[in-house]
Amino acid sequence: MKALIIIDIQYDFLPGGALAVKQGDEIVQTINDLQSEYDLVVATQDWHPTGHKSFVTSHPGKKPFEEISLNGLNQVLWPEHCIQGTKGAEFVPELSTNAIEAIFRKGMDKEIDSYSGFFDNGRKKSTGMGDYLKGRGITEIAVCGVAADYCVYYTANDGLDLGFKSSIIEHASKPIDLERYERVKKDFQQKGGTII
């Protein structure tokens, strides 16, 4: 049983959004077309409370994309994005959601960021997605969306750790930083992940 995991196709991550991934809008139709090829389709949604500690605005004097240590973890300081209940946090209307059986929200704890759809960055809390997929008999996951070098990669990587056969769908994902994506892609493949 194979599941498609669609990562964060939200206004703030697509062109015109607060943390736009270049050409992110170009993969939406591809993602729509892929959905019928899988036994199960789920999605993640970045869902930050106001004043999240990963926001640069929570750290006066810091610049966007600067890195700090936050509760013992490296943290990139992002522009405010995907704040709960705002338009920026909504899925874009171009995304077909009829086949999406469950939506897993992440980044809800103000104190810690959450790139992966499975866990927060410190692996302190699970979103429940792993148990949900296993409960549905899923053994293989394919991950797509934005950004390929952050949330897509971390989700696919955690999928390996949870025992799923895991792949990243490259033509249905876009990175923030292509060089970073090339690095993490190698890491993912060395761990047994596949790029399709």
Protein backbone atom coordinates (compact mmCIF):
# COMPACT_ATOMS: atom_id res chain seq x y z
CA MET A 1 0.00 0.00 0.00
CA LYS A 2 1.41 3.33 -1.09
CA ALA A 3 0.64 6.81 0.26
CA LEU A 4 1.25 10.19 -1.33
CA ILE A 5 2.18 12.86 1.22
CA ILE A 6 1.60 16.40 -0.06
CA ILE A 7 3.67 18.96 1.84
CA ASP A 8 2.49 22.53 2.60
CA ILE A 9 0.82 23.71 -0.63
CA GLN A 10 -0.19 26.94 1.13
CA TYR A 11 -0.40 30.55 -0.01
CA ASP A 12 2.62 31.70 2.04
CA PHE A 13 4.95 29.15 0.41
CA LEU A 14 3.98 29.93 -3.19
CA PRO A 15 4.91 32.99 -5.30
CA GLY A 16 3.45 36.13 -3.73
CA GLY A 17 3.49 34.55 -0.25
CA ALA A 18 5.48 35.54 2.83
CA LEU A 19 8.03 32.73 2.40
CA ALA A 20 7.66 31.99 -1.30
CA VAL A 21 9.42 29.05 -2.92
CA LYS A 22 10.45 30.07 -6.43
CA GLN A 23 8.20 28.45 -9.06
CA GLY A 24 6.33 26.60 -6.32
CA ASP A 25 3.06 27.20 -8.14
CA GLU A 26 4.35 25.19 -11.11
CA ILE A 27 4.09 21.85 -9.28
CA VAL A 28 0.46 22.10 -8.13
CA GLN A 29 -1.05 20.56 -11.27
CA THR A 30 1.57 17.80 -11.22
CA ILE A 31 0.59 17.00 -7.61
CA ASN A 32 -3.09 16.94 -8.62
CA ASP A 33 -2.30 14.52 -11.46
CA LEU A 34 -0.32 12.19 -9.16
CA GLN A 35 -3.07 11.71 -6.59
CA SER A 36 -4.96 9.00 -8.48
CA GLU A 37 -1.84 6.80 -8.58
CA TYR A 38 -1.78 6.19 -4.81
CA ASP A 39 -3.84 4.07 -2.39
CA LEU A 40 -4.00 6.93 0.11
CA VAL A 41 -3.40 10.68 -0.08
CA VAL A 42 -2.62 12.84 2.96
CA ALA A 43 -1.30 16.38 3.34
CA THR A 44 0.56 18.52 5.84
CA GLN A 45 -0.21 22.12 6.74
CA ASP A 46 2.20 24.50 8.45
CA TRP A 47 0.06 26.02 11.22
CA HIS A 48 2.01 28.43 13.42
CA PRO A 49 0.65 30.39 16.38
CA THR A 50 1.29 34.15 16.39
CA GLY A 51 4.73 34.92 17.85
CA HIS A 52 6.26 31.54 16.96
CA LYS A 53 9.90 31.40 18.08
CA SER A 54 11.05 30.46 14.57
CA PHE A 55 9.91 33.89 13.32
CA VAL A 56 12.60 36.56 12.96
CA THR A 57 10.11 39.03 14.48
CA SER A 58 10.38 37.10 17.77
CA HIS A 59 14.10 37.98 17.97
CA PRO A 60 14.69 41.76 17.82
CA GLY A 61 17.93 42.71 16.10
CA LYS A 62 18.13 39.48 14.08
CA LYS A 63 17.82 39.26 10.30
CA PRO A 64 15.64 36.91 8.22
CA PHE A 65 17.35 33.57 7.48
CA GLU A 66 19.94 34.11 10.23
CA GLU A 67 20.59 30.96 12.29
CA ILE A 68 20.38 30.86 16.07
CA SER A 69 20.28 28.18 18.73
CA LEU A 70 16.73 27.73 20.03
CA ASN A 71 16.24 25.34 22.95
CA GLY A 72 19.42 23.50 21.93
CA LEU A 73 18.53 23.16 18.24
CA ASN A 74 19.76 25.09 15.22
CA GLN A 75 16.96 27.38 14.05
CA VAL A 76 16.69 29.39 10.85
CA LEU A 77 14.79 32.61 11.56
CA TRP A 78 12.00 32.78 9.00
CA PRO A 79 9.75 35.65 7.97
CA GLU A 80 6.33 35.27 9.62
CA HIS A 81 4.37 32.67 7.65
CA CYS A 82 1.42 30.28 7.83
CA ILE A 83 -0.07 31.86 10.95
CA GLN A 84 -3.14 29.96 12.15
CA GLY A 85 -6.38 31.24 10.66
CA THR A 86 -4.76 33.58 8.12
CA LYS A 87 -5.08 33.39 4.36
CA GLY A 88 -1.35 32.65 4.10
CA ALA A 89 -1.90 29.37 5.96
CA GLU A 90 -4.69 28.18 3.65
CA PHE A 91 -4.19 25.63 0.90
CA VAL A 92 -4.21 27.30 -2.49
CA PRO A 93 -7.49 26.74 -4.37
CA GLU A 94 -5.62 25.21 -7.32
CA LEU A 95 -4.74 22.19 -5.14
CA SER A 96 -7.26 19.40 -5.60
CA THR A 97 -8.20 18.30 -2.07
CA ASN A 98 -11.02 15.83 -2.78
CA ALA A 99 -8.75 12.77 -2.46
CA ILE A 100 -6.89 14.06 0.64
CA GLU A 101 -8.08 11.80 3.43
CA ALA A 102 -6.31 13.50 6.35
CA ILE A 103 -4.44 16.73 7.03
CA PHE A 104 -1.66 16.82 9.60
CA ARG A 105 -0.84 20.23 11.04
CA LYS A 106 2.67 21.05 12.18
CA GLY A 107 4.57 23.89 13.83
CA MET A 108 1.85 24.48 16.42
CA ASP A 109 4.17 24.52 19.45
CA LYS A 110 5.43 28.11 19.81
CA GLU A 111 8.78 26.95 21.21
CA ILE A 112 9.91 24.56 18.45
CA ASP A 113 9.78 24.44 14.67
CA SER A 114 8.48 21.46 12.76
CA TYR A 115 9.75 20.74 9.27
CA SER A 116 8.74 17.09 9.17
CA GLY A 117 5.14 15.98 8.80
CA PHE A 118 5.86 13.26 11.38
CA PHE A 119 7.59 15.06 14.29
CA ASP A 120 8.73 18.45 15.52
CA ASN A 121 12.43 19.25 14.96
CA GLY A 122 13.43 17.94 18.39
CA ARG A 123 11.31 14.79 17.94
CA LYS A 124 9.59 15.63 21.21
CA LYS A 125 6.07 15.28 19.81
CA SER A 126 4.59 13.26 16.99
CA THR A 127 1.85 14.59 14.71
CA GLY A 128 0.27 11.13 14.63
CA MET A 129 0.82 10.76 10.89
CA GLY A 130 3.11 7.72 11.24
CA ASP A 131 0.58 5.78 13.30
CA TYR A 132 -2.20 6.85 10.95
CA LEU A 133 -0.37 5.57 7.87
CA LYS A 134 0.59 2.30 9.57
CA GLY A 135 -3.00 1.87 10.72
CA ARG A 136 -4.10 2.10 7.11
CA GLY A 137 -1.62 -0.58 6.04
CA ILE A 138 0.78 1.80 4.28
CA THR A 139 4.31 0.46 3.75
CA GLU A 140 5.57 2.93 1.15
CA ILE A 141 5.43 6.74 1.05
CA ALA A 142 6.15 9.24 -1.71
CA VAL A 143 6.62 12.84 -0.59
CA CYS A 144 6.13 15.97 -2.71
CA GLY A 145 5.52 19.70 -2.31
CA VAL A 146 7.49 22.57 -0.79
CA ALA A 147 10.15 23.08 0.15
CA ALA A 148 12.14 20.13 -1.18
CA ASP A 149 15.21 20.97 0.93
CA TYR A 150 13.29 21.41 4.19
CA CYS A 151 9.81 19.99 4.87
CA VAL A 152 9.75 17.49 1.99
CA TYR A 153 13.22 16.17 2.85
CA TYR A 154 12.61 16.00 6.63
CA THR A 155 9.30 14.20 6.14
CA ALA A 156 10.76 11.66 3.69
CA ASN A 157 13.79 11.15 5.97
CA ASP A 158 11.65 10.54 9.06
CA GLY A 159 9.60 8.11 6.97
CA LEU A 160 12.74 6.00 6.53
CA ASP A 161 13.37 6.08 10.28
CA LEU A 162 9.80 4.89 10.87
CA GLY A 163 10.31 1.90 8.60
CA PHE A 164 8.52 3.07 5.46
CA LYS A 165 9.97 2.65 2.01
CA SER A 166 10.36 6.35 1.27
CA SER A 167 10.86 8.47 -1.83
CA ILE A 168 10.88 12.13 -2.85
CA ILE A 169 9.03 12.97 -6.06
CA GLU A 170 11.48 15.42 -7.53
CA HIS A 171 9.33 16.73 -10.42
CA ALA A 172 6.53 17.51 -7.93
CA SER A 173 8.73 19.37 -5.39
CA LYS A 174 10.61 22.70 -5.36
CA PRO A 175 13.48 23.72 -3.05
CA ILE A 176 14.26 27.08 -1.44
CA ASP A 177 18.01 26.52 -1.97
CA LEU A 178 19.07 24.20 -4.78
CA GLU A 179 22.57 23.62 -3.36
CA ARG A 180 21.15 22.63 0.00
CA TYR A 181 18.67 20.33 -1.73
CA GLU A 182 21.48 18.56 -3.61
CA ARG A 183 23.27 17.96 -0.27
CA VAL A 184 20.24 16.64 1.62
CA LYS A 185 19.19 14.55 -1.38
CA LYS A 186 22.53 12.68 -1.23
CA ASP A 187 22.08 12.15 2.52
CA PHE A 188 18.57 10.81 1.94
CA GLN A 189 19.73 8.40 -0.77
CA GLN A 190 22.62 7.16 1.37
CA LYS A 191 20.09 6.28 4.06
CA GLY A 192 18.11 4.17 1.59
CA GLY A 193 15.65 6.73 0.24
CA THR A 194 14.88 7.02 -3.44
CA ILE A 195 14.35 10.00 -5.76
CA ILE A 196 11.64 9.51 -8.35
